[in-house]
Amino acid sequence: MERKMANRKLIRLSQLKSKLAAENLEEIDWVTFGVIVKKVTPQSANNGRTFSIWRLNDLRDLNQCVSLFLFGDVHKEHWKTDQGTV
């Protein structure tokens, strides 16, 4: 993990909104971690393609969640991922 995190900045999901407002994250090599706290049943878009929505949390502030939309190959590969997975 130390090798993977070398020269990267950890930003907690609960801090993401304030960091986006204060810093230009496009210029920083950053990572975040989240736990799937809720999964919405896969849905169909207007174009007929299926997608998933996950709500992620860092378990530090349960009121601060990030919604992650999964489309295309990412949806196909990961839609069965269990709630509670990091």
N, C-alpha and C. Protein backbone atom coordinates (compact mmCIF):
# COMPACT_ATOMS: atom_id res chain seq x y z
N MET A 1 0.82 -1.18 0.00
CA MET A 1 0.00 0.00 0.00
C MET A 1 0.87 1.25 0.00
N GLU A 2 1.97 1.22 0.76
CA GLU A 2 2.87 2.37 0.78
C GLU A 2 3.40 2.69 -0.61
N ARG A 3 3.72 1.66 -1.38
CA ARG A 3 4.23 1.87 -2.74
C ARG A 3 3.15 2.48 -3.63
N LYS A 4 1.93 1.99 -3.52
CA LYS A 4 0.83 2.51 -4.34
C LYS A 4 0.47 3.95 -3.97
N MET A 5 0.65 4.31 -2.71
CA MET A 5 0.28 5.65 -2.23
C MET A 5 1.42 6.66 -2.33
N ALA A 6 2.61 6.22 -2.71
CA ALA A 6 3.76 7.13 -2.80
C ALA A 6 3.44 8.30 -3.72
N ASN A 7 3.69 9.51 -3.23
CA ASN A 7 3.48 10.75 -3.99
C ASN A 7 2.01 11.03 -4.32
N ARG A 8 1.10 10.40 -3.63
CA ARG A 8 -0.33 10.65 -3.82
C ARG A 8 -0.92 11.24 -2.55
N LYS A 9 -1.95 12.02 -2.73
CA LYS A 9 -2.63 12.64 -1.59
C LYS A 9 -3.94 11.90 -1.33
N LEU A 10 -4.16 11.50 -0.08
CA LEU A 10 -5.41 10.87 0.31
C LEU A 10 -6.43 11.95 0.64
N ILE A 11 -7.56 11.88 -0.01
CA ILE A 11 -8.67 12.80 0.29
C ILE A 11 -9.86 11.93 0.68
N ARG A 12 -10.32 12.11 1.90
CA ARG A 12 -11.47 11.34 2.38
C ARG A 12 -12.72 11.77 1.63
N LEU A 13 -13.62 10.83 1.39
CA LEU A 13 -14.87 11.16 0.70
C LEU A 13 -15.63 12.27 1.41
N SER A 14 -15.60 12.26 2.74
CA SER A 14 -16.32 13.29 3.49
C SER A 14 -15.69 14.66 3.34
N GLN A 15 -14.45 14.73 2.84
CA GLN A 15 -13.77 16.00 2.61
C GLN A 15 -13.80 16.43 1.15
N LEU A 16 -14.30 15.59 0.28
CA LEU A 16 -14.19 15.82 -1.15
C LEU A 16 -14.85 17.13 -1.59
N LYS A 17 -16.03 17.41 -1.11
CA LYS A 17 -16.74 18.63 -1.51
C LYS A 17 -15.93 19.88 -1.15
N SER A 18 -15.42 19.95 0.06
CA SER A 18 -14.65 21.13 0.46
C SER A 18 -13.32 21.20 -0.28
N LYS A 19 -12.70 20.06 -0.56
CA LYS A 19 -11.44 20.05 -1.31
C LYS A 19 -11.65 20.50 -2.75
N LEU A 20 -12.76 20.10 -3.36
CA LEU A 20 -13.06 20.53 -4.72
C LEU A 20 -13.25 22.04 -4.80
N ALA A 21 -13.82 22.61 -3.75
CA ALA A 21 -14.04 24.06 -3.73
C ALA A 21 -12.74 24.83 -3.47
N ALA A 22 -11.81 24.24 -2.73
CA ALA A 22 -10.62 24.96 -2.31
C ALA A 22 -9.38 24.69 -3.17
N GLU A 23 -9.33 23.55 -3.84
CA GLU A 23 -8.12 23.16 -4.57
C GLU A 23 -8.45 22.73 -5.99
N ASN A 24 -7.48 22.85 -6.87
CA ASN A 24 -7.62 22.34 -8.22
C ASN A 24 -7.12 20.90 -8.22
N LEU A 25 -8.03 19.95 -8.03
CA LEU A 25 -7.64 18.55 -7.88
C LEU A 25 -7.14 17.93 -9.18
N GLU A 26 -7.37 18.61 -10.30
CA GLU A 26 -6.86 18.09 -11.58
C GLU A 26 -5.34 18.17 -11.63
N GLU A 27 -4.75 19.00 -10.80
CA GLU A 27 -3.30 19.16 -10.79
C GLU A 27 -2.62 18.32 -9.71
N ILE A 28 -3.41 17.54 -8.97
CA ILE A 28 -2.89 16.74 -7.86
C ILE A 28 -3.15 15.27 -8.16
N ASP A 29 -2.19 14.41 -7.85
CA ASP A 29 -2.39 12.96 -7.94
C ASP A 29 -3.01 12.52 -6.62
N TRP A 30 -4.31 12.31 -6.60
CA TRP A 30 -5.00 12.01 -5.36
C TRP A 30 -5.81 10.73 -5.49
N VAL A 31 -6.12 10.15 -4.33
CA VAL A 31 -6.93 8.93 -4.25
C VAL A 31 -7.96 9.09 -3.14
N THR A 32 -8.98 8.27 -3.22
CA THR A 32 -9.97 8.23 -2.15
C THR A 32 -10.43 6.78 -1.99
N PHE A 33 -11.01 6.49 -0.87
CA PHE A 33 -11.54 5.16 -0.58
C PHE A 33 -12.98 5.33 -0.12
N GLY A 34 -13.81 4.37 -0.47
CA GLY A 34 -15.19 4.43 -0.02
C GLY A 34 -15.78 3.05 0.14
N VAL A 35 -16.79 2.98 0.95
CA VAL A 35 -17.55 1.76 1.18
C VAL A 35 -18.90 1.93 0.50
N ILE A 36 -19.35 0.91 -0.20
CA ILE A 36 -20.67 0.96 -0.82
C ILE A 36 -21.69 0.82 0.30
N VAL A 37 -22.39 1.90 0.62
CA VAL A 37 -23.38 1.86 1.69
C VAL A 37 -24.80 1.65 1.16
N LYS A 38 -24.99 1.89 -0.13
CA LYS A 38 -26.31 1.66 -0.72
C LYS A 38 -26.14 1.46 -2.21
N LYS A 39 -26.90 0.51 -2.74
CA LYS A 39 -26.94 0.26 -4.17
C LYS A 39 -28.37 0.41 -4.65
N VAL A 40 -28.55 1.15 -5.72
CA VAL A 40 -29.87 1.27 -6.34
C VAL A 40 -29.98 0.17 -7.39
N THR A 41 -31.15 -0.44 -7.51
CA THR A 41 -31.36 -1.46 -8.53
C THR A 41 -30.97 -0.91 -9.89
N PRO A 42 -30.20 -1.67 -10.70
CA PRO A 42 -29.81 -1.17 -12.02
C PRO A 42 -31.01 -0.63 -12.79
N GLN A 43 -30.76 0.46 -13.51
CA GLN A 43 -31.81 1.16 -14.23
C GLN A 43 -31.46 1.26 -15.70
N SER A 44 -32.45 1.55 -16.53
CA SER A 44 -32.22 1.76 -17.96
C SER A 44 -32.28 3.24 -18.28
N ALA A 45 -31.29 3.69 -19.04
CA ALA A 45 -31.26 5.07 -19.50
C ALA A 45 -32.20 5.21 -20.69
N ASN A 46 -32.43 6.45 -21.13
CA ASN A 46 -33.29 6.71 -22.28
C ASN A 46 -32.80 6.01 -23.54
N ASN A 47 -31.50 5.78 -23.65
CA ASN A 47 -30.95 5.11 -24.82
C ASN A 47 -31.02 3.58 -24.71
N GLY A 48 -31.61 3.07 -23.62
CA GLY A 48 -31.78 1.64 -23.45
C GLY A 48 -30.64 0.94 -22.74
N ARG A 49 -29.56 1.64 -22.48
CA ARG A 49 -28.43 1.03 -21.80
C ARG A 49 -28.65 1.02 -20.29
N THR A 50 -28.17 -0.03 -19.65
CA THR A 50 -28.36 -0.19 -18.21
C THR A 50 -27.19 0.45 -17.46
N PHE A 51 -27.50 1.03 -16.31
CA PHE A 51 -26.47 1.62 -15.45
C PHE A 51 -26.82 1.37 -14.00
N SER A 52 -25.82 1.55 -13.13
CA SER A 52 -26.01 1.38 -11.69
C SER A 52 -25.64 2.66 -10.97
N ILE A 53 -26.20 2.82 -9.78
CA ILE A 53 -25.84 3.95 -8.91
C ILE A 53 -25.47 3.37 -7.55
N TRP A 54 -24.28 3.74 -7.09
CA TRP A 54 -23.83 3.36 -5.75
C TRP A 54 -23.70 4.61 -4.91
N ARG A 55 -24.02 4.50 -3.63
CA ARG A 55 -23.74 5.57 -2.67
C ARG A 55 -22.55 5.12 -1.84
N LEU A 56 -21.52 5.94 -1.84
CA LEU A 56 -20.27 5.63 -1.15
C LEU A 56 -20.07 6.53 0.05
N ASN A 57 -19.42 5.99 1.07
CA ASN A 57 -19.14 6.74 2.28
C ASN A 57 -17.81 6.29 2.84
N ASP A 58 -17.12 7.18 3.57
CA ASP A 58 -15.83 6.80 4.17
C ASP A 58 -15.97 6.34 5.63
N LEU A 59 -17.20 6.24 6.10
CA LEU A 59 -17.54 5.79 7.46
C LEU A 59 -17.07 6.75 8.55
N ARG A 60 -16.61 7.92 8.16
CA ARG A 60 -16.22 8.94 9.13
C ARG A 60 -17.41 9.85 9.41
N ASP A 61 -18.13 10.24 8.37
CA ASP A 61 -19.30 11.10 8.50
C ASP A 61 -20.41 10.46 7.66
N LEU A 62 -21.32 9.77 8.31
CA LEU A 62 -22.35 9.02 7.60
C LEU A 62 -23.35 9.90 6.87
N ASN A 63 -23.31 11.21 7.09
CA ASN A 63 -24.19 12.13 6.39
C ASN A 63 -23.59 12.61 5.07
N GLN A 64 -22.32 12.33 4.84
CA GLN A 64 -21.63 12.77 3.63
C GLN A 64 -21.41 11.58 2.70
N CYS A 65 -22.27 11.42 1.72
CA CYS A 65 -22.14 10.33 0.75
C CYS A 65 -21.86 10.90 -0.63
N VAL A 66 -21.25 10.09 -1.45
CA VAL A 66 -20.99 10.43 -2.84
C VAL A 66 -21.72 9.41 -3.70
N SER A 67 -22.45 9.89 -4.70
CA SER A 67 -23.12 8.97 -5.63
C SER A 67 -22.19 8.69 -6.79
N LEU A 68 -22.03 7.42 -7.10
CA LEU A 68 -21.18 6.99 -8.20
C LEU A 68 -22.06 6.29 -9.23
N PHE A 69 -22.04 6.79 -10.46
CA PHE A 69 -22.82 6.22 -11.55
C PHE A 69 -21.91 5.33 -12.38
N LEU A 70 -22.33 4.08 -12.62
CA LEU A 70 -21.54 3.12 -13.38
C LEU A 70 -22.24 2.85 -14.70
N PHE A 71 -21.51 3.09 -15.80
CA PHE A 71 -22.05 2.91 -17.15
C PHE A 71 -21.18 1.94 -17.94
N GLY A 72 -21.70 1.43 -19.04
CA GLY A 72 -20.93 0.66 -20.00
C GLY A 72 -20.25 -0.56 -19.41
N ASP A 73 -18.96 -0.74 -19.79
CA ASP A 73 -18.21 -1.91 -19.34
C ASP A 73 -18.02 -1.93 -17.83
N VAL A 74 -17.90 -0.75 -17.21
CA VAL A 74 -17.74 -0.69 -15.75
C VAL A 74 -18.99 -1.24 -15.07
N HIS A 75 -20.16 -0.85 -15.57
CA HIS A 75 -21.41 -1.38 -15.03
C HIS A 75 -21.46 -2.89 -15.22
N LYS A 76 -21.17 -3.36 -16.42
CA LYS A 76 -21.23 -4.80 -16.71
C LYS A 76 -20.31 -5.61 -15.81
N GLU A 77 -19.14 -5.07 -15.54
CA GLU A 77 -18.15 -5.80 -14.75
C GLU A 77 -18.42 -5.75 -13.25
N HIS A 78 -19.02 -4.65 -12.76
CA HIS A 78 -19.09 -4.45 -11.31
C HIS A 78 -20.50 -4.38 -10.72
N TRP A 79 -21.57 -4.49 -11.50
CA TRP A 79 -22.90 -4.25 -10.95
C TRP A 79 -23.30 -5.23 -9.86
N LYS A 80 -22.67 -6.39 -9.82
CA LYS A 80 -23.00 -7.39 -8.80
C LYS A 80 -22.18 -7.22 -7.52
N THR A 81 -21.30 -6.22 -7.47
CA THR A 81 -20.48 -6.00 -6.28
C THR A 81 -21.39 -5.80 -5.07
N ASP A 82 -21.05 -6.45 -3.97
CA ASP A 82 -21.90 -6.43 -2.77
C ASP A 82 -21.82 -5.10 -2.03
N GLN A 83 -22.96 -4.72 -1.46
CA GLN A 83 -22.99 -3.58 -0.54
C GLN A 83 -22.07 -3.91 0.62
N GLY A 84 -21.32 -2.92 1.09
CA GLY A 84 -20.36 -3.13 2.16
C GLY A 84 -18.95 -3.33 1.67
N THR A 85 -18.80 -3.47 0.36
CA THR A 85 -17.47 -3.65 -0.23
C THR A 85 -16.72 -2.31 -0.24
N VAL A 86 -15.41 -2.36 0.00
CA VAL A 86 -14.58 -1.16 -0.04
C VAL A 86 -14.06 -1.00 -1.46
